[in-house]
Amino acid sequence: MKLPVVYLDVIWLLNFGVDGFILLVTAFLARRRLKWWRTIGASAIGASYALFLFFPAMSAFLTFFSKLLFSILMVWIAFRPKGLFDFGKMLGLFYLASFLTGGAAYAVNNFFGSVSVQNGLVLVHGSAVWLQQTKLWLVLLALPVTWLLGKSAWNRLVRSKQREMNFWEVEVQLGEESVTFTGLLDTGNALTDPLSRTPVMVADWELFAALLPAELTEELKKGSDISMSLGEIEMEDDWHAKFRLVPYRGVGGTMGMLLAFKPSQVTLRSQEQEHACTRVLIGLNPKALAADGSYRAILHPSMIEGDGDVREEWKADSAAS
């Protein structure tokens, strides 16, 4: 029998496409956005690893730890996870996407392909292919692993869908300037200014770095305790009138003071609604609220409940029409 010719460039391109598809599935399961140049880089690394099979000198790279290392490298390049927990989650979803893709390809090949065995060779449409020996214990191990990863991914999709229903586009106006970002409506957020009873939404301070006084942003970058040094920071008098120190109680009973300022107006938008609020304070959180950057602020529920100066413009528009 004439042996088939193997073209390494074809093998590389095929694996490049498959790895790219697996990364897209991983991004879908994780509800992440992929940058095209990161996807190309990670797919190229995965495709290059497949070529080790054809070079006996590279057999040392075909171990379990080498495969794990390349998988970690692909996930890191494609998604740049933030933190160990996020990295483990993305790696697990990457393997789940690999199992789903590989299982689907194997099932379709067996369903539509014409497979036969002659003289110990597996033939597909008359061409000999290499078949790796499958161990029963590996198959049995793959079943619970796939189930656990699939359950985890499904639960994450459900939680993401529920959370997306509470995502709002937020536009903060401060004088002539404005900043737009994504906020998460938290019905459990009861933070208010104890003196004026004004609701407080908490946001990443870096969103307003270009709008705040330069002296204040320098202190925030240093991680200084603003509650102790606010009076010593030089700024114009109208800025001093905008700032408040709001006491809060965090998880575990920890207490502190949160620096907040009064914006000119905050507008919340969704696909069907729009709310404009002027009676609100914005607390400057020193750290990012979401590790994946899916939202940059936690909204107070009274901002959309019609309290104070909140206007439900979308209802007025509906009535007019």
C-alpha atoms as a PDB file:
ATOM      1  CA  MET A   1       0.000   0.000   0.000  1.00  0.00           C
ATOM      2  CA  LYS A   2       1.226   3.420  -0.927  1.00  0.00           C
ATOM      3  CA  LEU A   3       1.745   5.509   2.175  1.00  0.00           C
ATOM      4  CA  PRO A   4       0.174   8.978   2.197  1.00  0.00           C
ATOM      5  CA  VAL A   5       2.344  12.074   2.011  1.00  0.00           C
ATOM      6  CA  VAL A   6       2.174  14.336   5.045  1.00  0.00           C
ATOM      7  CA  TYR A   7       2.535  18.081   4.408  1.00  0.00           C
ATOM      8  CA  LEU A   8       3.601  19.869   7.564  1.00  0.00           C
ATOM      9  CA  ASP A   9       2.253  23.223   6.403  1.00  0.00           C
ATOM     10  CA  VAL A  10      -1.192  21.678   5.916  1.00  0.00           C
ATOM     11  CA  ILE A  11      -1.010  20.037   9.348  1.00  0.00           C
ATOM     12  CA  TRP A  12       0.025  23.349  10.910  1.00  0.00           C
ATOM     13  CA  LEU A  13      -2.769  25.331   9.216  1.00  0.00           C
ATOM     14  CA  LEU A  14      -5.357  22.721  10.166  1.00  0.00           C
ATOM     15  CA  ASN A  15      -4.325  22.792  13.817  1.00  0.00           C
ATOM     16  CA  PHE A  16      -4.140  26.588  13.694  1.00  0.00           C
ATOM     17  CA  GLY A  17      -7.774  26.748  12.599  1.00  0.00           C
ATOM     18  CA  VAL A  18      -8.926  24.175  15.160  1.00  0.00           C
ATOM     19  CA  ASP A  19      -7.083  25.902  18.014  1.00  0.00           C
ATOM     20  CA  GLY A  20      -8.574  29.232  16.981  1.00  0.00           C
ATOM     21  CA  PHE A  21     -12.046  27.711  17.027  1.00  0.00           C
ATOM     22  CA  ILE A  22     -11.440  26.221  20.488  1.00  0.00           C
ATOM     23  CA  LEU A  23     -10.380  29.645  21.771  1.00  0.00           C
ATOM     24  CA  LEU A  24     -13.558  31.167  20.331  1.00  0.00           C
ATOM     25  CA  VAL A  25     -15.660  28.522  22.103  1.00  0.00           C
ATOM     26  CA  THR A  26     -13.758  29.218  25.316  1.00  0.00           C
ATOM     27  CA  ALA A  27     -14.440  32.934  24.968  1.00  0.00           C
ATOM     28  CA  PHE A  28     -18.131  32.215  24.396  1.00  0.00           C
ATOM     29  CA  LEU A  29     -18.372  30.030  27.494  1.00  0.00           C
ATOM     30  CA  ALA A  30     -16.555  32.637  29.579  1.00  0.00           C
ATOM     31  CA  ARG A  31     -18.437  35.598  28.058  1.00  0.00           C
ATOM     32  CA  ARG A  32     -15.133  37.220  27.150  1.00  0.00           C
ATOM     33  CA  ARG A  33     -14.026  39.212  24.139  1.00  0.00           C
ATOM     34  CA  LEU A  34     -11.024  37.986  22.181  1.00  0.00           C
ATOM     35  CA  LYS A  35      -8.542  40.304  20.546  1.00  0.00           C
ATOM     36  CA  TRP A  36      -7.665  39.052  17.069  1.00  0.00           C
ATOM     37  CA  TRP A  37      -3.913  39.378  17.486  1.00  0.00           C
ATOM     38  CA  ARG A  38      -3.980  37.461  20.787  1.00  0.00           C
ATOM     39  CA  THR A  39      -6.073  34.745  19.157  1.00  0.00           C
ATOM     40  CA  ILE A  40      -3.581  34.433  16.287  1.00  0.00           C
ATOM     41  CA  GLY A  41      -0.622  34.229  18.684  1.00  0.00           C
ATOM     42  CA  ALA A  42      -2.198  31.588  20.932  1.00  0.00           C
ATOM     43  CA  SER A  43      -3.405  29.530  17.946  1.00  0.00           C
ATOM     44  CA  ALA A  44       0.066  29.644  16.372  1.00  0.00           C
ATOM     45  CA  ILE A  45       1.616  28.258  19.556  1.00  0.00           C
ATOM     46  CA  GLY A  46      -0.922  25.433  19.706  1.00  0.00           C
ATOM     47  CA  ALA A  47      -0.439  24.596  16.040  1.00  0.00           C
ATOM     48  CA  SER A  48       3.348  24.544  16.447  1.00  0.00           C
ATOM     49  CA  TYR A  49       3.071  22.034  19.294  1.00  0.00           C
ATOM     50  CA  ALA A  50       1.282  19.592  16.964  1.00  0.00           C
ATOM     51  CA  LEU A  51       4.395  19.463  14.757  1.00  0.00           C
ATOM     52  CA  PHE A  52       6.404  17.860  17.575  1.00  0.00           C
ATOM     53  CA  LEU A  53       4.756  14.556  16.663  1.00  0.00           C
ATOM     54  CA  PHE A  54       6.743  14.448  13.430  1.00  0.00           C
ATOM     55  CA  PHE A  55      10.179  15.086  14.929  1.00  0.00           C
ATOM     56  CA  PRO A  56      11.638  12.270  17.057  1.00  0.00           C
ATOM     57  CA  ALA A  57      14.088  14.724  18.637  1.00  0.00           C
ATOM     58  CA  MET A  58      11.101  16.618  20.073  1.00  0.00           C
ATOM     59  CA  SER A  59       9.565  13.563  21.753  1.00  0.00           C
ATOM     60  CA  ALA A  60      10.500  15.002  25.162  1.00  0.00           C
ATOM     61  CA  PHE A  61       7.822  17.666  24.611  1.00  0.00           C
ATOM     62  CA  LEU A  62       5.027  15.090  24.267  1.00  0.00           C
ATOM     63  CA  THR A  63       4.653  14.552  28.013  1.00  0.00           C
ATOM     64  CA  PHE A  64       1.675  15.511  30.144  1.00  0.00           C
ATOM     65  CA  PHE A  65       3.488  18.462  31.709  1.00  0.00           C
ATOM     66  CA  SER A  66       4.516  19.816  28.298  1.00  0.00           C
ATOM     67  CA  LYS A  67       0.923  19.649  27.078  1.00  0.00           C
ATOM     68  CA  LEU A  68      -0.239  21.402  30.237  1.00  0.00           C
ATOM     69  CA  LEU A  69       2.446  24.061  29.828  1.00  0.00           C
ATOM     70  CA  PHE A  70       1.409  24.822  26.247  1.00  0.00           C
ATOM     71  CA  SER A  71      -2.247  24.961  27.275  1.00  0.00           C
ATOM     72  CA  ILE A  72      -1.412  27.423  30.047  1.00  0.00           C
ATOM     73  CA  LEU A  73       0.611  29.514  27.610  1.00  0.00           C
ATOM     74  CA  MET A  74      -2.242  29.603  25.088  1.00  0.00           C
ATOM     75  CA  VAL A  75      -4.794  30.652  27.708  1.00  0.00           C
ATOM     76  CA  TRP A  76      -2.476  33.324  29.119  1.00  0.00           C
ATOM     77  CA  ILE A  77      -1.759  34.827  25.693  1.00  0.00           C
ATOM     78  CA  ALA A  78      -5.374  34.746  24.519  1.00  0.00           C
ATOM     79  CA  PHE A  79      -7.167  35.997  27.650  1.00  0.00           C
ATOM     80  CA  ARG A  80      -4.586  37.465  30.053  1.00  0.00           C
ATOM     81  CA  PRO A  81      -6.551  36.269  33.142  1.00  0.00           C
ATOM     82  CA  LYS A  82      -6.496  38.460  36.235  1.00  0.00           C
ATOM     83  CA  GLY A  83      -5.663  36.452  39.309  1.00  0.00           C
ATOM     84  CA  LEU A  84      -5.158  32.764  40.008  1.00  0.00           C
ATOM     85  CA  PHE A  85      -8.881  31.993  40.310  1.00  0.00           C
ATOM     86  CA  ASP A  86      -9.686  33.618  36.974  1.00  0.00           C
ATOM     87  CA  PHE A  87      -6.774  31.789  35.369  1.00  0.00           C
ATOM     88  CA  GLY A  88      -7.952  28.398  36.662  1.00  0.00           C
ATOM     89  CA  LYS A  89     -11.479  29.105  35.442  1.00  0.00           C
ATOM     90  CA  MET A  90     -10.292  30.038  31.950  1.00  0.00           C
ATOM     91  CA  LEU A  91      -8.026  26.997  31.765  1.00  0.00           C
ATOM     92  CA  GLY A  92     -10.908  24.722  32.756  1.00  0.00           C
ATOM     93  CA  LEU A  93     -13.181  26.246  30.122  1.00  0.00           C
ATOM     94  CA  PHE A  94     -10.395  25.887  27.551  1.00  0.00           C
ATOM     95  CA  TYR A  95     -10.149  22.146  28.227  1.00  0.00           C
ATOM     96  CA  LEU A  96     -13.933  21.826  28.169  1.00  0.00           C
ATOM     97  CA  ALA A  97     -14.010  23.525  24.756  1.00  0.00           C
ATOM     98  CA  SER A  98     -11.233  21.165  23.601  1.00  0.00           C
ATOM     99  CA  PHE A  99     -13.177  18.099  24.781  1.00  0.00           C
ATOM    100  CA  LEU A 100     -16.362  19.309  23.107  1.00  0.00           C
ATOM    101  CA  THR A 101     -14.604  20.103  19.831  1.00  0.00           C
ATOM    102  CA  GLY A 102     -12.607  16.856  19.780  1.00  0.00           C
ATOM    103  CA  GLY A 103     -15.621  14.763  20.727  1.00  0.00           C
ATOM    104  CA  ALA A 104     -17.785  16.396  18.072  1.00  0.00           C
ATOM    105  CA  ALA A 105     -15.120  15.876  15.388  1.00  0.00           C
ATOM    106  CA  TYR A 106     -14.688  12.218  16.361  1.00  0.00           C
ATOM    107  CA  ALA A 107     -18.453  11.615  16.373  1.00  0.00           C
ATOM    108  CA  VAL A 108     -19.007  13.246  12.969  1.00  0.00           C
ATOM    109  CA  ASN A 109     -16.079  11.317  11.470  1.00  0.00           C
ATOM    110  CA  ASN A 110     -17.470   7.996  12.686  1.00  0.00           C
ATOM    111  CA  PHE A 111     -21.012   8.876  11.653  1.00  0.00           C
ATOM    112  CA  PHE A 112     -20.305  10.017   8.105  1.00  0.00           C
ATOM    113  CA  GLY A 113     -16.892   8.433   7.412  1.00  0.00           C
ATOM    114  CA  SER A 114     -16.410   5.056   5.793  1.00  0.00           C
ATOM    115  CA  VAL A 115     -14.144   3.287   8.306  1.00  0.00           C
ATOM    116  CA  SER A 116     -12.748  -0.241   7.959  1.00  0.00           C
ATOM    117  CA  VAL A 117      -9.853  -2.303   9.288  1.00  0.00           C
ATOM    118  CA  GLN A 118      -7.516  -4.297   7.069  1.00  0.00           C
ATOM    119  CA  ASN A 119      -4.370  -6.077   8.249  1.00  0.00           C
ATOM    120  CA  GLY A 120      -4.337  -4.060  11.441  1.00  0.00           C
ATOM    121  CA  LEU A 121      -4.625  -0.702   9.641  1.00  0.00           C
ATOM    122  CA  VAL A 122      -7.549   1.657  10.105  1.00  0.00           C
ATOM    123  CA  LEU A 123      -8.794   2.818   6.691  1.00  0.00           C
ATOM    124  CA  VAL A 124     -10.932   5.923   6.115  1.00  0.00           C
ATOM    125  CA  HIS A 125     -12.123   6.152   2.501  1.00  0.00           C
ATOM    126  CA  GLY A 126      -9.275   3.872   1.515  1.00  0.00           C
ATOM    127  CA  SER A 127      -6.486   5.893   3.204  1.00  0.00           C
ATOM    128  CA  ALA A 128      -4.537   4.632   6.186  1.00  0.00           C
ATOM    129  CA  VAL A 129      -4.672   6.718   9.344  1.00  0.00           C
ATOM    130  CA  TRP A 130      -2.933   6.478  12.674  1.00  0.00           C
ATOM    131  CA  LEU A 131      -5.167   5.470  15.580  1.00  0.00           C
ATOM    132  CA  GLN A 132      -4.005   6.095  19.121  1.00  0.00           C
ATOM    133  CA  GLN A 133      -4.700   3.323  21.581  1.00  0.00           C
ATOM    134  CA  THR A 134      -7.496   4.296  23.985  1.00  0.00           C
ATOM    135  CA  LYS A 135      -7.373   3.179  27.603  1.00  0.00           C
ATOM    136  CA  LEU A 136     -10.629   2.344  29.355  1.00  0.00           C
ATOM    137  CA  TRP A 137      -9.694   4.155  32.564  1.00  0.00           C
ATOM    138  CA  LEU A 138      -9.020   7.361  30.612  1.00  0.00           C
ATOM    139  CA  VAL A 139     -12.456   7.169  28.995  1.00  0.00           C
ATOM    140  CA  LEU A 140     -14.090   6.616  32.383  1.00  0.00           C
ATOM    141  CA  LEU A 141     -12.110   9.517  33.836  1.00  0.00           C
ATOM    142  CA  ALA A 142     -13.151  11.825  31.003  1.00  0.00           C
ATOM    143  CA  LEU A 143     -16.859  11.353  31.716  1.00  0.00           C
ATOM    144  CA  PRO A 144     -17.006  12.960  35.201  1.00  0.00           C
ATOM    145  CA  VAL A 145     -14.427  15.605  34.228  1.00  0.00           C
ATOM    146  CA  THR A 146     -16.505  16.656  31.213  1.00  0.00           C
ATOM    147  CA  TRP A 147     -19.685  16.632  33.319  1.00  0.00           C
ATOM    148  CA  LEU A 148     -18.143  18.790  36.050  1.00  0.00           C
ATOM    149  CA  LEU A 149     -16.655  21.270  33.592  1.00  0.00           C
ATOM    150  CA  GLY A 150     -19.886  21.399  31.615  1.00  0.00           C
ATOM    151  CA  LYS A 151     -21.950  21.996  34.741  1.00  0.00           C
ATOM    152  CA  SER A 152     -19.592  24.751  35.856  1.00  0.00           C
ATOM    153  CA  ALA A 153     -19.732  26.422  32.428  1.00  0.00           C
ATOM    154  CA  TRP A 154     -23.523  26.206  32.319  1.00  0.00           C
ATOM    155  CA  ASN A 155     -23.879  27.714  35.783  1.00  0.00           C
ATOM    156  CA  ARG A 156     -21.555  30.497  34.760  1.00  0.00           C
ATOM    157  CA  LEU A 157     -23.653  31.207  31.667  1.00  0.00           C
ATOM    158  CA  VAL A 158     -26.806  31.372  33.804  1.00  0.00           C
ATOM    159  CA  ARG A 159     -25.168  33.727  36.306  1.00  0.00           C
ATOM    160  CA  SER A 160     -23.786  35.881  33.504  1.00  0.00           C
ATOM    161  CA  LYS A 161     -27.209  36.112  31.884  1.00  0.00           C
ATOM    162  CA  GLN A 162     -28.818  37.108  35.161  1.00  0.00           C
ATOM    163  CA  ARG A 163     -26.109  39.673  35.800  1.00  0.00           C
ATOM    164  CA  GLU A 164     -26.365  41.116  32.300  1.00  0.00           C
ATOM    165  CA  MET A 165     -29.998  41.929  33.017  1.00  0.00           C
ATOM    166  CA  ASN A 166     -28.696  44.291  35.715  1.00  0.00           C
ATOM    167  CA  PHE A 167     -26.009  45.891  33.535  1.00  0.00           C
ATOM    168  CA  TRP A 168     -26.569  49.544  32.660  1.00  0.00           C
ATOM    169  CA  GLU A 169     -24.703  52.037  30.546  1.00  0.00           C
ATOM    170  CA  VAL A 170     -23.719  54.866  32.875  1.00  0.00           C
ATOM    171  CA  GLU A 171     -22.873  58.403  31.805  1.00  0.00           C
ATOM    172  CA  VAL A 172     -21.502  60.690  34.500  1.00  0.00           C
ATOM    173  CA  GLN A 173     -21.460  64.409  33.764  1.00  0.00           C
ATOM    174  CA  LEU A 174     -19.197  66.719  35.732  1.00  0.00           C
ATOM    175  CA  GLY A 175     -19.474  70.255  34.430  1.00  0.00           C
ATOM    176  CA  GLU A 176     -18.717  70.169  30.705  1.00  0.00           C
ATOM    177  CA  GLU A 177     -16.965  66.784  30.886  1.00  0.00           C
ATOM    178  CA  SER A 178     -18.534  63.310  30.863  1.00  0.00           C
ATOM    179  CA  VAL A 179     -17.452  59.687  31.344  1.00  0.00           C
ATOM    180  CA  THR A 180     -19.333  56.623  30.057  1.00  0.00           C
ATOM    181  CA  PHE A 181     -18.918  53.080  31.410  1.00  0.00           C
ATOM    182  CA  THR A 182     -20.851  49.952  32.458  1.00  0.00           C
ATOM    183  CA  GLY A 183     -22.454  49.708  35.886  1.00  0.00           C
ATOM    184  CA  LEU A 184     -24.027  46.809  37.789  1.00  0.00           C
ATOM    185  CA  LEU A 185     -27.304  47.408  39.586  1.00  0.00           C
ATOM    186  CA  ASP A 186     -27.049  45.904  43.070  1.00  0.00           C
ATOM    187  CA  THR A 187     -30.385  45.748  44.885  1.00  0.00           C
ATOM    188  CA  GLY A 188     -28.497  45.074  48.099  1.00  0.00           C
ATOM    189  CA  ASN A 189     -26.526  48.319  47.907  1.00  0.00           C
ATOM    190  CA  ALA A 190     -27.878  50.465  50.742  1.00  0.00           C
ATOM    191  CA  LEU A 191     -24.932  52.873  51.002  1.00  0.00           C
ATOM    192  CA  THR A 192     -26.079  56.429  51.643  1.00  0.00           C
ATOM    193  CA  ASP A 193     -24.594  59.627  52.994  1.00  0.00           C
ATOM    194  CA  PRO A 194     -25.682  59.630  56.685  1.00  0.00           C
ATOM    195  CA  LEU A 195     -26.133  63.426  56.761  1.00  0.00           C
ATOM    196  CA  SER A 196     -28.085  64.107  53.562  1.00  0.00           C
ATOM    197  CA  ARG A 197     -29.411  60.546  52.999  1.00  0.00           C
ATOM    198  CA  THR A 198     -28.167  60.834  49.430  1.00  0.00           C
ATOM    199  CA  PRO A 199     -27.674  57.425  47.709  1.00  0.00           C
ATOM    200  CA  VAL A 200     -24.079  56.487  46.846  1.00  0.00           C
ATOM    201  CA  MET A 201     -22.969  54.550  43.799  1.00  0.00           C
ATOM    202  CA  VAL A 202     -19.450  53.094  44.007  1.00  0.00           C
ATOM    203  CA  ALA A 203     -17.133  53.299  40.977  1.00  0.00           C
ATOM    204  CA  ASP A 204     -13.499  52.666  40.069  1.00  0.00           C
ATOM    205  CA  TRP A 205     -11.678  55.921  40.779  1.00  0.00           C
ATOM    206  CA  GLU A 206      -9.534  55.594  37.650  1.00  0.00           C
ATOM    207  CA  LEU A 207     -12.615  56.352  35.529  1.00  0.00           C
ATOM    208  CA  PHE A 208     -12.462  59.951  36.745  1.00  0.00           C
ATOM    209  CA  ALA A 209      -8.673  60.412  36.820  1.00  0.00           C
ATOM    210  CA  ALA A 210      -8.841  63.001  34.024  1.00  0.00           C
ATOM    211  CA  LEU A 211     -11.640  64.949  35.717  1.00  0.00           C
ATOM    212  CA  LEU A 212     -10.439  65.079  39.320  1.00  0.00           C
ATOM    213  CA  PRO A 213      -7.814  67.507  40.651  1.00  0.00           C
ATOM    214  CA  ALA A 214      -4.284  66.378  39.815  1.00  0.00           C
ATOM    215  CA  GLU A 215      -3.173  66.568  43.465  1.00  0.00           C
ATOM    216  CA  LEU A 216      -5.973  64.199  44.470  1.00  0.00           C
ATOM    217  CA  THR A 217      -5.278  61.662  41.732  1.00  0.00           C
ATOM    218  CA  GLU A 218      -1.607  61.560  42.758  1.00  0.00           C
ATOM    219  CA  GLU A 219      -2.621  60.615  46.294  1.00  0.00           C
ATOM    220  CA  LEU A 220      -5.039  57.981  44.995  1.00  0.00           C
ATOM    221  CA  LYS A 221      -2.296  56.454  42.843  1.00  0.00           C
ATOM    222  CA  LYS A 222      -0.077  56.196  45.936  1.00  0.00           C
ATOM    223  CA  GLY A 223      -2.840  54.380  47.801  1.00  0.00           C
ATOM    224  CA  SER A 224      -2.922  57.051  50.512  1.00  0.00           C
ATOM    225  CA  ASP A 225      -5.707  57.163  53.086  1.00  0.00           C
ATOM    226  CA  ILE A 226      -7.674  60.082  51.668  1.00  0.00           C
ATOM    227  CA  SER A 227      -9.909  60.281  54.739  1.00  0.00           C
ATOM    228  CA  MET A 228      -6.878  61.397  56.772  1.00  0.00           C
ATOM    229  CA  SER A 229      -5.319  63.755  54.210  1.00  0.00           C
ATOM    230  CA  LEU A 230      -8.231  65.270  52.281  1.00  0.00           C
ATOM    231  CA  GLY A 231      -7.984  68.597  54.104  1.00  0.00           C
ATOM    232  CA  GLU A 232      -4.283  68.866  53.302  1.00  0.00           C
ATOM    233  CA  ILE A 233      -4.666  68.374  49.539  1.00  0.00           C
ATOM    234  CA  GLU A 234      -4.562  71.658  47.641  1.00  0.00           C
ATOM    235  CA  MET A 235      -7.498  72.162  45.301  1.00  0.00           C
ATOM    236  CA  GLU A 236      -9.974  74.849  44.344  1.00  0.00           C
ATOM    237  CA  ASP A 237     -12.742  75.709  46.793  1.00  0.00           C
ATOM    238  CA  ASP A 238     -15.526  74.480  44.520  1.00  0.00           C
ATOM    239  CA  TRP A 239     -13.923  71.021  44.558  1.00  0.00           C
ATOM    240  CA  HIS A 240     -13.913  70.926  48.357  1.00  0.00           C
ATOM    241  CA  ALA A 241     -17.648  71.594  48.249  1.00  0.00           C
ATOM    242  CA  LYS A 242     -18.208  68.587  45.974  1.00  0.00           C
ATOM    243  CA  PHE A 243     -16.447  66.004  48.161  1.00  0.00           C
ATOM    244  CA  ARG A 244     -17.892  63.945  51.009  1.00  0.00           C
ATOM    245  CA  LEU A 245     -16.507  61.249  53.282  1.00  0.00           C
ATOM    246  CA  VAL A 246     -19.071  58.461  53.543  1.00  0.00           C
ATOM    247  CA  PRO A 247     -18.707  55.796  56.272  1.00  0.00           C
ATOM    248  CA  TYR A 248     -19.215  52.214  55.105  1.00  0.00           C
ATOM    249  CA  ARG A 249     -19.150  48.693  56.473  1.00  0.00           C
ATOM    250  CA  GLY A 250     -17.557  46.074  54.255  1.00  0.00           C
ATOM    251  CA  VAL A 251     -17.706  42.285  54.129  1.00  0.00           C
ATOM    252  CA  GLY A 252     -16.604  40.768  57.422  1.00  0.00           C
ATOM    253  CA  GLY A 253     -17.564  43.859  59.409  1.00  0.00           C
ATOM    254  CA  THR A 254     -14.632  46.019  58.332  1.00  0.00           C
ATOM    255  CA  MET A 255     -15.373  49.741  58.530  1.00  0.00           C
ATOM    256  CA  GLY A 256     -13.861  52.725  56.775  1.00  0.00           C
ATOM    257  CA  MET A 257     -14.445  56.038  55.035  1.00  0.00           C
ATOM    258  CA  LEU A 258     -15.112  56.278  51.310  1.00  0.00           C
ATOM    259  CA  LEU A 259     -14.309  59.440  49.389  1.00  0.00           C
ATOM    260  CA  ALA A 260     -17.287  60.520  47.277  1.00  0.00           C
ATOM    261  CA  PHE A 261     -18.104  63.503  45.079  1.00  0.00           C
ATOM    262  CA  LYS A 262     -21.304  65.010  43.722  1.00  0.00           C
ATOM    263  CA  PRO A 263     -21.605  64.914  39.904  1.00  0.00           C
ATOM    264  CA  SER A 264     -23.693  67.275  37.819  1.00  0.00           C
ATOM    265  CA  GLN A 265     -25.853  64.393  36.588  1.00  0.00           C
ATOM    266  CA  VAL A 266     -25.800  60.609  36.184  1.00  0.00           C
ATOM    267  CA  THR A 267     -27.732  59.016  33.318  1.00  0.00           C
ATOM    268  CA  LEU A 268     -28.510  55.288  33.254  1.00  0.00           C
ATOM    269  CA  ARG A 269     -29.452  53.603  29.976  1.00  0.00           C
ATOM    270  CA  SER A 270     -30.553  50.121  28.985  1.00  0.00           C
ATOM    271  CA  GLN A 271     -32.162  48.843  25.795  1.00  0.00           C
ATOM    272  CA  GLU A 272     -35.619  50.016  26.897  1.00  0.00           C
ATOM    273  CA  GLN A 273     -35.112  52.509  29.702  1.00  0.00           C
ATOM    274  CA  GLU A 274     -33.319  55.729  30.524  1.00  0.00           C
ATOM    275  CA  HIS A 275     -33.059  57.360  33.933  1.00  0.00           C
ATOM    276  CA  ALA A 276     -31.430  60.691  34.764  1.00  0.00           C
ATOM    277  CA  CYS A 277     -30.431  61.365  38.362  1.00  0.00           C
ATOM    278  CA  THR A 278     -28.912  64.432  40.016  1.00  0.00           C
ATOM    279  CA  ARG A 279     -29.365  63.426  43.642  1.00  0.00           C
ATOM    280  CA  VAL A 280     -26.543  60.915  43.919  1.00  0.00           C
ATOM    281  CA  LEU A 281     -22.945  60.692  45.153  1.00  0.00           C
ATOM    282  CA  ILE A 282     -20.154  58.710  43.474  1.00  0.00           C
ATOM    283  CA  GLY A 283     -17.850  56.845  45.838  1.00  0.00           C
ATOM    284  CA  LEU A 284     -14.291  56.387  44.555  1.00  0.00           C
ATOM    285  CA  ASN A 285     -13.233  52.791  45.087  1.00  0.00           C
ATOM    286  CA  PRO A 286      -9.426  52.396  45.295  1.00  0.00           C
ATOM    287  CA  LYS A 287      -9.449  48.989  43.518  1.00  0.00           C
ATOM    288  CA  ALA A 288     -11.202  47.523  40.487  1.00  0.00           C
ATOM    289  CA  LEU A 289     -14.669  46.248  41.364  1.00  0.00           C
ATOM    290  CA  ALA A 290     -14.670  43.432  38.776  1.00  0.00           C
ATOM    291  CA  ALA A 291     -11.574  41.388  38.052  1.00  0.00           C
ATOM    292  CA  ASP A 292     -12.658  40.819  34.433  1.00  0.00           C
ATOM    293  CA  GLY A 293     -13.637  44.452  33.873  1.00  0.00           C
ATOM    294  CA  SER A 294     -17.236  43.549  32.974  1.00  0.00           C
ATOM    295  CA  TYR A 295     -18.508  46.459  35.074  1.00  0.00           C
ATOM    296  CA  ARG A 296     -16.854  49.497  36.616  1.00  0.00           C
ATOM    297  CA  ALA A 297     -19.475  50.675  39.116  1.00  0.00           C
ATOM    298  CA  ILE A 298     -22.078  49.362  41.563  1.00  0.00           C
ATOM    299  CA  LEU A 299     -25.337  51.292  41.226  1.00  0.00           C
ATOM    300  CA  HIS A 300     -27.743  52.190  44.015  1.00  0.00           C
ATOM    301  CA  PRO A 301     -31.281  50.781  43.452  1.00  0.00           C
ATOM    302  CA  SER A 302     -32.950  54.135  44.214  1.00  0.00           C
ATOM    303  CA  MET A 303     -31.335  55.539  41.050  1.00  0.00           C
ATOM    304  CA  ILE A 304     -33.951  53.702  38.946  1.00  0.00           C
ATOM    305  CA  GLU A 305     -36.844  53.555  41.402  1.00  0.00           C
ATOM    306  CA  GLY A 306     -38.021  57.094  40.825  1.00  0.00           C
ATOM    307  CA  ASP A 307     -36.784  58.502  44.141  1.00  0.00           C
ATOM    308  CA  GLY A 308     -35.642  62.095  44.526  1.00  0.00           C
ATOM    309  CA  ASP A 309     -34.665  63.685  41.229  1.00  0.00           C
ATOM    310  CA  VAL A 310     -34.835  60.534  39.114  1.00  0.00           C
ATOM    311  CA  ARG A 311     -36.731  60.981  35.835  1.00  0.00           C
ATOM    312  CA  GLU A 312     -38.108  58.074  33.864  1.00  0.00           C
ATOM    313  CA  GLU A 313     -37.909  59.669  30.439  1.00  0.00           C
ATOM    314  CA  TRP A 314     -38.711  56.461  28.581  1.00  0.00           C
ATOM    315  CA  LYS A 315     -42.191  56.353  30.155  1.00  0.00           C
ATOM    316  CA  ALA A 316     -42.865  59.904  29.057  1.00  0.00           C
ATOM    317  CA  ASP A 317     -41.774  59.042  25.510  1.00  0.00           C
ATOM    318  CA  SER A 318     -44.041  55.995  25.472  1.00  0.00           C
ATOM    319  CA  ALA A 319     -47.010  58.069  26.614  1.00  0.00           C
ATOM    320  CA  ALA A 320     -46.348  60.687  23.956  1.00  0.00           C
ATOM    321  CA  SER A 321     -46.265  58.098  21.225  1.00  0.00           C
END
